[in-house]
Amino acid sequence: MPLVRIDVNAGRAPDQLARLSRAIHDAILVEYKIPERDYFHILTEHAPGQIIAQDAGLGFERTAGVVVIQIFTQEGRSQDAKEHLFAAVARNLADAGIPGEDVFIGYVENTAGDWSFGFGRAQYVTGELAAPAR
């Protein structure tokens, strides 16, 4: 069950934001084989100048269309699986009109005990939800 935070500069139409979110979710569905309803995205639009995302010295320029993605998920996936996910996200976003240089992904892992889906319970720990298979 990844939780995905998506930060963009303001100015995209609602349908563009929905397409962007869906492109990311579809990549996670395919690569991590999660259920469709494990769809938890937070989209935040920022005023100009509130997202600073340079190239880390890689020699390319980002545009104002940069998409900053944070994926929070349980630990245990291989580096190969993560890299496949990164590539799938970039491909899907390219299909949605977002070039690769404008895709920035941060990946954060935690454990089953770090999630509560409601009612103040850690459902992976209580057994109300099965912990995702790797």
Protein backbone atom coordinates (compact mmCIF):
# COMPACT_ATOMS: atom_id res chain seq x y z
CA MET A 1 0.00 0.00 0.00
CA PRO A 2 2.05 2.92 -1.12
CA LEU A 3 1.08 6.41 -0.05
CA VAL A 4 2.06 8.79 -2.83
CA ARG A 5 2.57 12.52 -2.42
CA ILE A 6 2.71 14.48 -5.66
CA ASP A 7 3.88 18.08 -5.71
CA VAL A 8 3.49 20.28 -8.78
CA ASN A 9 3.50 23.94 -9.64
CA ALA A 10 0.02 25.43 -9.89
CA GLY A 11 -1.57 25.82 -13.29
CA ARG A 12 -2.53 22.35 -14.50
CA ALA A 13 -6.18 21.64 -15.27
CA PRO A 14 -8.02 19.19 -12.98
CA ASP A 15 -8.10 16.55 -15.72
CA GLN A 16 -4.31 16.87 -16.16
CA LEU A 17 -3.80 16.36 -12.42
CA ALA A 18 -6.07 13.31 -12.48
CA ARG A 19 -4.17 11.87 -15.47
CA LEU A 20 -0.85 12.47 -13.73
CA SER A 21 -2.04 10.69 -10.57
CA ARG A 22 -3.51 7.84 -12.57
CA ALA A 23 -0.28 7.39 -14.55
CA ILE A 24 1.66 6.96 -11.32
CA HIS A 25 -0.94 4.61 -9.82
CA ASP A 26 -1.01 2.47 -12.97
CA ALA A 27 2.77 2.05 -12.79
CA ILE A 28 2.53 0.92 -9.16
CA LEU A 29 -0.31 -1.48 -10.01
CA VAL A 30 1.72 -3.17 -12.73
CA GLU A 31 5.09 -3.22 -11.01
CA TYR A 32 4.03 -4.02 -7.44
CA LYS A 33 0.85 -6.00 -8.17
CA ILE A 34 -1.15 -4.09 -5.56
CA PRO A 35 -4.97 -4.03 -5.52
CA GLU A 36 -6.64 -1.24 -7.52
CA ARG A 37 -8.19 0.25 -4.39
CA ASP A 38 -4.80 0.69 -2.72
CA TYR A 39 -4.95 4.17 -4.21
CA PHE A 40 -3.72 6.81 -1.76
CA HIS A 41 -2.45 9.96 -3.46
CA ILE A 42 -2.08 13.48 -2.15
CA LEU A 43 -1.69 16.11 -4.87
CA THR A 44 -0.43 19.51 -3.80
CA GLU A 45 -0.11 22.51 -6.05
CA HIS A 46 2.45 25.18 -5.21
CA ALA A 47 2.84 28.83 -6.12
CA PRO A 48 5.75 29.72 -8.42
CA GLY A 49 9.09 29.49 -6.64
CA GLN A 50 7.93 27.03 -3.97
CA ILE A 51 9.40 23.98 -5.71
CA ILE A 52 13.13 24.04 -6.26
CA ALA A 53 14.30 20.90 -8.05
CA GLN A 54 17.59 21.21 -9.82
CA ASP A 55 19.46 18.45 -11.63
CA ALA A 56 21.85 17.39 -8.82
CA GLY A 57 24.70 18.05 -11.24
CA LEU A 58 23.50 15.66 -13.95
CA GLY A 59 23.57 18.30 -16.67
CA PHE A 60 19.95 18.92 -17.63
CA GLU A 61 17.34 21.57 -16.95
CA ARG A 62 13.93 21.00 -15.42
CA THR A 63 10.93 23.06 -16.44
CA ALA A 64 8.14 24.64 -14.41
CA GLY A 65 6.28 21.39 -15.18
CA VAL A 66 8.40 19.41 -12.73
CA VAL A 67 6.58 16.66 -10.81
CA VAL A 68 8.03 15.74 -7.41
CA ILE A 69 6.83 12.32 -6.24
CA GLN A 70 7.33 10.78 -2.81
CA ILE A 71 6.43 7.12 -2.50
CA PHE A 72 5.98 5.83 1.06
CA THR A 73 5.73 2.04 1.28
CA GLN A 74 6.68 -0.98 3.35
CA GLU A 75 10.24 -2.19 3.27
CA GLY A 76 11.31 -5.34 1.50
CA ARG A 77 11.27 -4.68 -2.22
CA SER A 78 14.51 -5.22 -4.09
CA GLN A 79 16.50 -2.43 -5.67
CA ASP A 80 15.65 -3.98 -9.04
CA ALA A 81 11.91 -3.74 -8.26
CA LYS A 82 12.30 -0.09 -7.27
CA GLU A 83 14.19 0.72 -10.45
CA HIS A 84 11.51 -0.99 -12.53
CA LEU A 85 8.92 1.14 -10.74
CA PHE A 86 10.88 4.35 -11.37
CA ALA A 87 11.11 3.50 -15.07
CA ALA A 88 7.40 2.63 -15.30
CA VAL A 89 6.43 5.90 -13.62
CA ALA A 90 8.63 7.87 -16.00
CA ARG A 91 7.20 6.02 -19.05
CA ASN A 92 3.61 6.56 -17.94
CA LEU A 93 4.22 10.23 -17.20
CA ALA A 94 5.92 10.66 -20.59
CA ASP A 95 2.72 9.28 -22.14
CA ALA A 96 0.87 11.95 -20.14
CA GLY A 97 3.12 14.66 -21.61
CA ILE A 98 5.65 15.01 -18.80
CA PRO A 99 9.26 14.64 -19.99
CA GLY A 100 11.72 12.51 -18.04
CA GLU A 101 13.76 15.48 -16.85
CA ASP A 102 10.66 16.74 -15.01
CA VAL A 103 10.12 13.52 -13.03
CA PHE A 104 11.72 13.44 -9.57
CA ILE A 105 11.01 10.47 -7.28
CA GLY A 106 11.90 10.00 -3.62
CA TYR A 107 11.25 6.54 -2.15
CA VAL A 108 10.73 6.01 1.59
CA GLU A 109 10.34 2.61 3.27
CA ASN A 110 8.89 1.71 6.65
CA THR A 111 7.41 -1.34 8.40
CA ALA A 112 3.95 -2.88 8.76
CA GLY A 113 3.58 -1.32 12.21
CA ASP A 114 3.92 2.18 10.75
CA TRP A 115 0.47 2.27 9.12
CA SER A 116 -3.04 2.97 10.39
CA PHE A 117 -5.88 2.99 7.86
CA GLY A 118 -8.44 4.29 10.35
CA PHE A 119 -9.89 3.89 13.81
CA GLY A 120 -6.47 4.29 15.43
CA ARG A 121 -5.47 0.69 14.74
CA ALA A 122 -2.40 -0.69 12.98
CA GLN A 123 -4.38 -3.01 10.69
CA TYR A 124 -1.33 -4.82 9.32
CA VAL A 125 -0.32 -5.67 12.89
CA THR A 126 -3.84 -6.56 14.14
CA GLY A 127 -4.41 -8.81 11.12
CA GLU A 128 -7.35 -6.77 9.79
CA LEU A 129 -5.28 -6.34 6.62
CA ALA A 130 -2.81 -8.81 5.20
CA ALA A 131 0.66 -7.28 4.91
CA PRO A 132 1.55 -6.89 1.23
CA ALA A 133 3.44 -9.77 -0.28
CA ARG A 134 6.85 -9.11 -1.78
